[in-house]
Every structure is written in structure tokens, then in C-alpha cells.
């Protein structure tokens, strides 16, 4: 599912830019691809589930933070750190801009959205152990009720925020309005961990949401943000459920292997393709032919992002293995 989400997001970023479009044979997919930002909801939903697994396996907050820091920090520094060092310091000799970008100040204060997802996911990871301990694993309360109330409070807070400072809210709403789907995933982590069966009623309910959602894709040409992305709150998880059902029915080892491969590199692919996308749009390769632009985007961005992601993932694995070996040697001494 991580693989499906990142591919959908990358395709979305290629189709929303004008002029860029699918060929006549595939124009029926345009509405679906132009709502690929819903892939972020799936990504955050899955993240909430996976974090629950991680904490249930070992409730050690220190180790939890170290693992998350390694997973995000190494890839972030190798991809965005190197890029900003080159573009900010080497090209423009602007150390302050480099610091603002690397600390996420440029997003939270100025609305620079290149790595907004990382700027959001890090605070969510920091706060997750509290959510796990006091909400999800608290036998004295109903976790579902608490999660629903938290989502309502967040949406109300977004409304108040937008009312008093609409310009600033517009700059960072891309992150704030995604928090509820992460919370929903955190609750569903309980159900998945306990191996609860997806009932027929849930399948039917999610199927109805998917059908209505796909219809919505073709009524509105692009994802709307006016209602705090509430349209995607249940749609993202519902699509995830039915993609899983379809993959189980198809049962193709090749498709599963492909999606697993891309899913394992999802963070690296996200970070690298955002930079490559901007480079492509500013290059001479981005011409007047809409169909050609999209095809060139697919070849350049997806291929290059995959190569970069594999390199970064290998470096990350090497660094972690080297550190583990050093720690093991030290403990034996």
C-alpha cells in the first residue's frame, strides 16, 4: 500500500502541471490521477497503523525515537540536505536559507512546501508515544471516542485559525488538515494488531465511499481544500481497504513485488521526486506538448527518483549496519 500511495502521488504531481495530460487512450484516468494527493491520506493512515505495531513490539520511547530519526533523518539529509547545500550555499551563498529549510522554519513560518510532509510527520512521531500510552492503550477510556473527539477539535481549530489568519492558514493547511487521518490510522492500528476481520458491513460502507469518491474525482477537476480535506478523511482509508482486497484477488507476485519495492523506498521517492519535479518544470524539456510533457516527466522523474532512492537506501543501510556492528563490538569489549 505504501508503494501504491507513492506511485499515485508521483503521477499526481506530473498531471496537475499545465500543460501536461494523458494521451487519448488514458484520459479516463485523468480525474483519478488529479486527486493523487489523496495518496498522502493513505500514507498517513498506514503510518498510524505501523507505529502502533512498533510500540506494541517494544514500548521503549528512546529506541522508538532513535529508529524514527534514523529512518527519516538519514534520507532527509542525504537528499534534501545535499540539495539545499548546493542550491542555497554553493549557488547563492545563502546560509540562512539553508538553515531555514533544514529546520523546517521555511514551511511553518513561510509556507515553503517542498518537504511539508516531513515537517508534519516529525511532530506526529514525537507526540505518538503519548497518544499510544494515554489514549490507545488506556483501558479506562474508549479510544475510538477520544480519537473522534480529537479529530473534531482539530477541524474546529482549523476553522478558527482560518477565520483569524486565513493567509497564514493557507500556507500550512496542507499539513494541519492531514492530522485527523493519521489519528484514524493510529486507532485502526489496534484493530489490525488484534487481527480483527474486516466485516461485510465495513466492506460495503467503504465500497460506497470509494464509488462516491471516484464520482467526486470527476465532478471536481482537482482536490479541494475549502472543507479542510474532510473529503479524503474516510476516502483514503476506504481506497486502501479496496486496493488491498483487489490485490488479494489478483494475487500477482510481480505486482506485489513491484509495489513492495517502491513502498520500501516511499520516503526516499517522495523527497527526491519533489526536487526532480521542480527541476523538470524549469528545464527546457518542459515544452508545449501536454502529452509529451507527461511522458517526459514519467521517464525523467520516476526513473531518476528511483535510482536516487536506491542509492540513498543502500547508504542508509550501510550506515545503520556499521553503527550496529560498532555498538556490538563495543559491548563485547
Protein backbone atom coordinates (compact mmCIF):
# COMPACT_ATOMS: atom_id res chain seq x y z
CA UNK A 1 0.00 0.00 0.00
CA UNK A 2 2.92 2.35 0.58
CA UNK A 3 4.03 1.53 -2.97
CA UNK A 4 0.59 2.29 -4.40
CA UNK A 5 0.42 5.56 -2.46
CA UNK A 6 3.79 6.92 -3.58
CA UNK A 7 3.17 6.00 -7.23
CA UNK A 8 -0.22 7.74 -7.11
CA UNK A 9 1.36 10.84 -5.55
CA UNK A 10 4.16 10.98 -8.14
CA UNK A 11 1.68 10.65 -11.01
CA UNK A 12 -0.48 13.36 -9.44
CA UNK A 13 2.45 15.78 -9.35
CA UNK A 14 3.05 15.11 -13.02
CA UNK A 15 -0.51 15.60 -14.24
CA UNK A 16 -1.53 18.75 -12.32
CA UNK A 17 1.04 20.96 -14.02
CA UNK A 18 -0.12 22.72 -17.18
CA UNK A 19 0.44 21.84 -19.92
CA UNK A 20 0.56 18.15 -19.01
CA UNK A 21 -2.01 15.47 -19.81
CA UNK A 22 -2.54 11.81 -20.62
CA UNK A 23 -2.85 10.51 -24.16
CA UNK A 24 -6.36 9.96 -25.55
CA UNK A 25 -6.31 6.25 -24.68
CA UNK A 26 -5.84 7.01 -20.98
CA UNK A 27 -7.74 10.27 -20.50
CA UNK A 28 -10.36 8.37 -18.50
CA UNK A 29 -7.75 8.15 -15.72
CA UNK A 30 -7.22 11.91 -15.56
CA UNK A 31 -9.77 12.53 -12.82
CA UNK A 32 -8.30 9.77 -10.68
CA UNK A 33 -4.71 10.95 -11.12
CA UNK A 34 -5.59 14.58 -10.43
CA UNK A 35 -6.71 13.51 -6.97
CA UNK A 36 -3.48 11.66 -6.27
CA UNK A 37 -2.92 13.93 -3.28
CA UNK A 38 -5.32 11.53 -1.56
CA UNK A 39 -2.36 9.15 -1.58
CA UNK A 40 -0.96 11.24 1.28
CA UNK A 41 -4.03 10.33 3.36
CA UNK A 42 -3.35 6.64 2.68
CA UNK A 43 0.30 7.14 3.60
CA UNK A 44 -0.52 8.81 6.92
CA UNK A 45 -3.25 6.27 7.67
CA UNK A 46 -0.74 3.43 7.19
CA UNK A 47 1.84 5.28 9.27
CA UNK A 48 -0.56 5.44 12.20
CA UNK A 49 -1.13 1.67 11.93
CA UNK A 50 2.57 0.83 11.66
CA UNK A 51 3.53 3.00 14.63
CA UNK A 52 1.11 1.05 16.80
CA UNK A 53 2.86 -2.17 15.78
CA UNK A 54 6.22 -0.63 16.58
CA UNK A 55 5.19 0.46 20.08
CA UNK A 56 3.46 -2.84 20.88
CA UNK A 57 6.60 -4.71 19.87
CA UNK A 58 8.78 -2.66 22.19
CA UNK A 59 7.49 0.14 24.39
CA UNK A 60 10.80 1.92 24.63
CA UNK A 61 10.40 5.60 23.81
CA UNK A 62 14.14 6.18 23.42
CA UNK A 63 14.53 3.35 20.90
CA UNK A 64 11.31 4.47 19.18
CA UNK A 65 12.72 7.96 18.62
CA UNK A 66 16.13 6.63 17.53
CA UNK A 67 14.58 4.33 14.92
CA UNK A 68 12.33 7.09 13.56
CA UNK A 69 15.24 9.54 13.49
CA UNK A 70 17.40 7.11 11.54
CA UNK A 71 14.60 6.30 9.12
CA UNK A 72 13.77 9.91 8.34
CA UNK A 73 16.94 11.82 9.22
CA UNK A 74 19.44 9.94 7.08
CA UNK A 75 17.29 10.06 3.94
CA UNK A 76 16.31 13.68 4.55
CA UNK A 77 19.91 14.84 4.98
CA UNK A 78 21.24 12.79 2.04
CA UNK A 79 18.56 14.07 -0.35
CA UNK A 80 17.34 17.47 0.79
CA UNK A 81 20.40 18.35 2.84
CA UNK A 82 22.72 17.87 -0.12
CA UNK A 83 20.31 19.63 -2.49
CA UNK A 84 19.91 22.68 -0.24
CA UNK A 85 23.64 22.80 0.43
CA UNK A 86 24.17 23.04 -3.31
CA UNK A 87 21.28 25.36 -4.20
CA UNK A 88 21.42 27.64 -1.15
CA UNK A 89 25.07 27.77 -0.11
CA UNK A 90 27.09 26.95 -3.22
CA UNK A 91 24.88 28.67 -5.82
CA UNK A 92 23.52 31.63 -3.80
CA UNK A 93 25.83 31.75 -0.78
CA UNK A 94 22.75 31.95 1.44
CA UNK A 95 23.49 30.07 4.66
CA UNK A 96 20.38 31.47 6.37
CA UNK A 97 18.09 29.99 3.71
CA UNK A 98 19.81 26.63 4.13
CA UNK A 99 19.22 26.73 7.90
CA UNK A 100 15.58 27.78 7.46
CA UNK A 101 14.95 24.90 5.07
CA UNK A 102 16.76 22.21 7.03
CA UNK A 103 14.95 23.17 10.26
CA UNK A 104 11.51 23.39 8.56
CA UNK A 105 11.27 27.08 9.52
CA UNK A 106 10.67 27.84 5.85
CA UNK A 107 7.50 25.72 5.91
CA UNK A 108 5.99 26.51 9.31
CA UNK A 109 6.67 30.25 9.03
CA UNK A 110 6.93 30.99 5.30
CA UNK A 111 4.83 28.20 3.75
CA UNK A 112 7.60 26.68 1.59
CA UNK A 113 6.05 23.28 0.83
CA UNK A 114 8.87 21.21 -0.67
CA UNK A 115 9.17 18.95 2.41
CA UNK A 116 5.95 19.80 4.23
CA UNK A 117 5.27 16.09 4.75
CA UNK A 118 8.46 15.59 6.77
CA UNK A 119 7.75 18.82 8.66
CA UNK A 120 4.43 17.25 9.71
CA UNK A 121 5.45 13.66 10.30
CA UNK A 122 8.27 14.50 12.72
CA UNK A 123 5.98 16.25 15.28
CA UNK A 124 3.47 13.42 14.88
CA UNK A 125 6.19 10.87 15.63
CA UNK A 126 7.35 12.89 18.64
CA UNK A 127 3.83 13.02 20.10
CA UNK A 128 2.84 9.45 19.18
CA UNK A 129 4.14 7.73 22.37
CA UNK A 130 1.83 9.99 24.41
CA UNK A 131 -1.10 9.09 22.16
CA UNK A 132 -0.22 5.41 22.46
CA UNK A 133 0.12 5.40 26.24
CA UNK A 134 -2.74 7.66 27.32
CA UNK A 135 -5.32 7.08 24.57
CA UNK A 136 -4.78 3.89 22.58
CA UNK A 137 -3.71 1.67 25.49
CA UNK A 138 -5.80 3.23 28.22
CA UNK A 139 -8.38 0.70 29.45
CA UNK A 140 -10.28 3.38 31.36
CA UNK A 141 -11.42 5.23 28.23
CA UNK A 142 -12.88 4.48 24.82
CA UNK A 143 -10.03 5.11 22.34
CA UNK A 144 -12.34 5.44 19.33
CA UNK A 145 -14.42 8.11 21.05
CA UNK A 146 -11.26 10.00 22.04
CA UNK A 147 -9.85 9.84 18.52
CA UNK A 148 -13.13 11.12 17.05
CA UNK A 149 -13.20 13.97 19.55
CA UNK A 150 -9.58 14.85 18.76
CA UNK A 151 -10.39 14.96 15.04
CA UNK A 152 -13.38 17.23 15.67
CA UNK A 153 -11.25 19.54 17.84
CA UNK A 154 -8.60 19.73 15.11
CA UNK A 155 -11.18 20.65 12.46
CA UNK A 156 -12.72 23.27 14.75
CA UNK A 157 -9.23 24.59 15.44
CA UNK A 158 -8.56 24.81 11.69
CA UNK A 159 -11.79 26.76 11.26
CA UNK A 160 -10.83 29.23 13.99
CA UNK A 161 -7.31 29.50 12.63
CA UNK A 162 -8.59 30.18 9.11
CA UNK A 163 -11.05 32.80 10.39
CA UNK A 164 -8.42 34.86 12.23
CA UNK A 165 -5.49 34.44 9.81
CA UNK A 166 -6.60 32.95 6.51
CA UNK A 167 -3.38 33.79 4.66
CA UNK A 168 -1.10 32.01 7.10
CA UNK A 169 -3.53 29.11 7.45
CA UNK A 170 -3.48 28.70 3.67
CA UNK A 171 0.30 28.29 3.80
CA UNK A 172 0.28 25.38 6.24
CA UNK A 173 -3.20 23.84 5.91
CA UNK A 174 -1.67 21.11 3.73
CA UNK A 175 -0.20 19.70 6.95
CA UNK A 176 -2.72 20.61 9.65
CA UNK A 177 -5.72 19.16 7.80
CA UNK A 178 -3.94 15.78 7.42
CA UNK A 179 -3.58 15.13 11.17
CA UNK A 180 -7.06 13.50 11.59
CA UNK A 181 -6.35 10.71 9.10
CA UNK A 182 -3.14 9.89 10.97
CA UNK A 183 -5.14 9.67 14.20
CA UNK A 184 -7.68 7.41 12.49
CA UNK A 185 -4.83 5.16 11.38
CA UNK A 186 -3.47 5.12 14.93
CA UNK A 187 -6.81 3.76 16.17
CA UNK A 188 -7.06 1.22 13.34
CA UNK A 189 -3.62 0.03 14.40
CA UNK A 190 -5.40 -1.58 17.36
CA UNK A 191 -7.80 -3.44 15.06
CA UNK A 192 -5.05 -4.59 12.70
CA UNK A 193 -2.78 -5.67 15.57
CA UNK A 194 -5.61 -7.72 17.06
CA UNK A 195 -6.20 -9.26 13.61
CA UNK A 196 -9.83 -8.14 13.51
CA UNK A 197 -11.74 -9.31 10.47
CA UNK A 198 -12.98 -6.60 8.11
CA UNK A 199 -16.71 -7.22 8.29
CA UNK A 200 -19.06 -7.24 5.34
CA UNK A 201 -20.66 -4.03 6.61
CA UNK A 202 -17.29 -2.27 6.68
CA UNK A 203 -16.50 -3.53 3.19
CA UNK A 204 -19.86 -2.32 1.92
CA UNK A 205 -19.56 1.05 3.68
CA UNK A 206 -16.03 1.62 2.35
CA UNK A 207 -17.09 0.49 -1.14
CA UNK A 208 -19.88 3.10 -1.18
CA UNK A 209 -17.37 5.75 -0.10
CA UNK A 210 -14.96 4.69 -2.86
CA UNK A 211 -17.69 4.85 -5.54
CA UNK A 212 -18.87 8.26 -4.33
CA UNK A 213 -15.25 9.39 -4.09
CA UNK A 214 -14.42 8.37 -7.65
CA UNK A 215 -17.55 10.20 -8.80
CA UNK A 216 -16.32 13.23 -6.86
CA UNK A 217 -12.96 12.94 -8.67
CA UNK A 218 -14.69 13.60 -11.98
CA UNK A 219 -17.05 16.30 -10.74
CA UNK A 220 -14.21 18.37 -9.29
CA UNK A 221 -11.13 18.52 -11.53
CA UNK A 222 -8.70 18.69 -8.61
CA UNK A 223 -8.74 18.05 -4.87
CA UNK A 224 -10.41 20.84 -2.90
CA UNK A 225 -9.10 22.27 0.37
CA UNK A 226 -12.01 24.54 1.32
CA UNK A 227 -13.51 21.98 3.71
CA UNK A 228 -10.19 21.07 5.36
CA UNK A 229 -9.77 17.98 3.15
CA UNK A 230 -12.51 16.18 5.08
CA UNK A 231 -13.49 14.62 1.76
CA UNK A 232 -10.37 12.48 1.99
CA UNK A 233 -10.62 11.52 5.68
CA UNK A 234 -12.66 8.35 5.05
CA UNK A 235 -11.93 8.11 1.32
CA UNK A 236 -8.21 7.47 1.75
CA UNK A 237 -8.63 4.54 4.18
CA UNK A 238 -11.55 3.19 2.10
CA UNK A 239 -9.42 3.17 -1.04
CA UNK A 240 -6.67 1.44 0.94
CA UNK A 241 -9.10 -1.31 2.00
CA UNK A 242 -10.31 -1.95 -1.52
CA UNK A 243 -6.89 -1.81 -3.12
CA UNK A 244 -5.85 -4.49 -0.63
CA UNK A 245 -8.92 -6.57 -1.49
CA UNK A 246 -8.20 -6.22 -5.23
CA UNK A 247 -4.54 -7.14 -4.78
CA UNK A 248 -5.57 -10.19 -2.78
CA UNK A 249 -7.98 -11.26 -5.54
CA UNK A 250 -5.44 -10.65 -8.32
CA UNK A 251 -2.72 -12.38 -6.27
CA UNK A 252 0.08 -11.39 -8.67
CA UNK A 253 3.57 -11.92 -7.28
CA UNK A 254 5.01 -9.48 -9.82
CA UNK A 255 2.61 -6.66 -8.91
CA UNK A 256 3.08 -7.28 -5.19
CA UNK A 257 6.86 -7.34 -5.59
CA UNK A 258 6.81 -4.09 -7.58
CA UNK A 259 4.62 -2.29 -5.06
CA UNK A 260 6.65 -3.65 -2.15
CA UNK A 261 9.85 -2.45 -3.78
CA UNK A 262 8.51 1.06 -4.30
CA UNK A 263 6.83 1.02 -0.90
CA UNK A 264 10.12 0.26 0.82
CA UNK A 265 11.57 3.37 -0.82
CA UNK A 266 8.47 5.54 -0.37
CA UNK A 267 10.10 8.24 1.77
CA UNK A 268 13.17 8.49 -0.45
CA UNK A 269 10.99 8.54 -3.56
CA UNK A 270 8.83 11.30 -2.11
CA UNK A 271 11.78 13.52 -1.16
CA UNK A 272 13.75 13.02 -4.38
CA UNK A 273 10.84 13.31 -6.80
CA UNK A 274 9.80 16.66 -5.33
CA UNK A 275 13.20 18.12 -6.19
CA UNK A 276 13.32 16.44 -9.60
CA UNK A 277 9.80 17.65 -10.41
CA UNK A 278 10.79 21.27 -9.86
CA UNK A 279 13.95 20.80 -11.93
CA UNK A 280 11.92 19.27 -14.75
CA UNK A 281 9.36 22.08 -14.78
CA UNK A 282 12.14 24.68 -15.03
CA UNK A 283 14.10 22.83 -17.72
CA UNK A 284 13.91 23.17 -21.48
CA UNK A 285 12.49 19.63 -21.61
CA UNK A 286 9.15 21.02 -20.37
CA UNK A 287 7.63 22.19 -23.66
CA UNK A 288 4.23 22.99 -25.15
CA UNK A 289 3.06 19.46 -25.88
CA UNK A 290 0.91 18.38 -22.93
CA UNK A 291 1.12 14.64 -23.64
CA UNK A 292 4.85 14.77 -24.32
CA UNK A 293 5.41 16.69 -21.09
CA UNK A 294 3.72 13.99 -19.05
CA UNK A 295 5.64 11.21 -20.77
CA UNK A 296 8.94 13.01 -20.27
CA UNK A 297 8.02 13.59 -16.64
CA UNK A 298 7.41 9.87 -16.16
CA UNK A 299 10.74 8.92 -17.70
CA UNK A 300 12.87 11.61 -16.06
CA UNK A 301 11.28 11.98 -12.64
CA UNK A 302 10.21 8.42 -11.87
CA UNK A 303 13.38 6.80 -13.21
CA UNK A 304 15.74 9.32 -11.61
CA UNK A 305 13.86 9.30 -8.30
CA UNK A 306 14.04 5.50 -8.18
CA UNK A 307 17.79 5.46 -8.86
CA UNK A 308 18.46 8.14 -6.23
CA UNK A 309 16.23 6.35 -3.73
CA UNK A 310 18.04 3.04 -4.20
CA UNK A 311 21.40 4.73 -3.70
CA UNK A 312 20.22 6.56 -0.57
CA UNK A 313 18.59 3.41 0.84
CA UNK A 314 21.84 1.47 0.36
CA UNK A 315 23.86 4.20 2.05
CA UNK A 316 21.34 4.30 4.89
CA UNK A 317 21.51 0.53 5.34
CA UNK A 318 25.32 0.63 5.29
CA UNK A 319 25.45 3.37 7.94
CA UNK A 320 22.99 1.58 10.22
CA UNK A 321 24.75 -1.78 9.86
CA UNK A 322 28.09 -0.11 10.52
CA UNK A 323 26.71 1.55 13.65
CA UNK A 324 25.14 -1.69 14.87
CA UNK A 325 28.42 -3.52 14.32
CA UNK A 326 30.33 -0.83 16.21
CA UNK A 327 27.89 -0.98 19.13
CA UNK A 328 28.04 -4.77 19.21
CA UNK A 329 31.85 -4.74 19.19
CA UNK A 330 31.91 -2.12 21.94
CA UNK A 331 29.53 -4.13 24.13
CA UNK A 332 31.62 -7.29 23.68
CA UNK A 333 34.71 -5.41 24.78
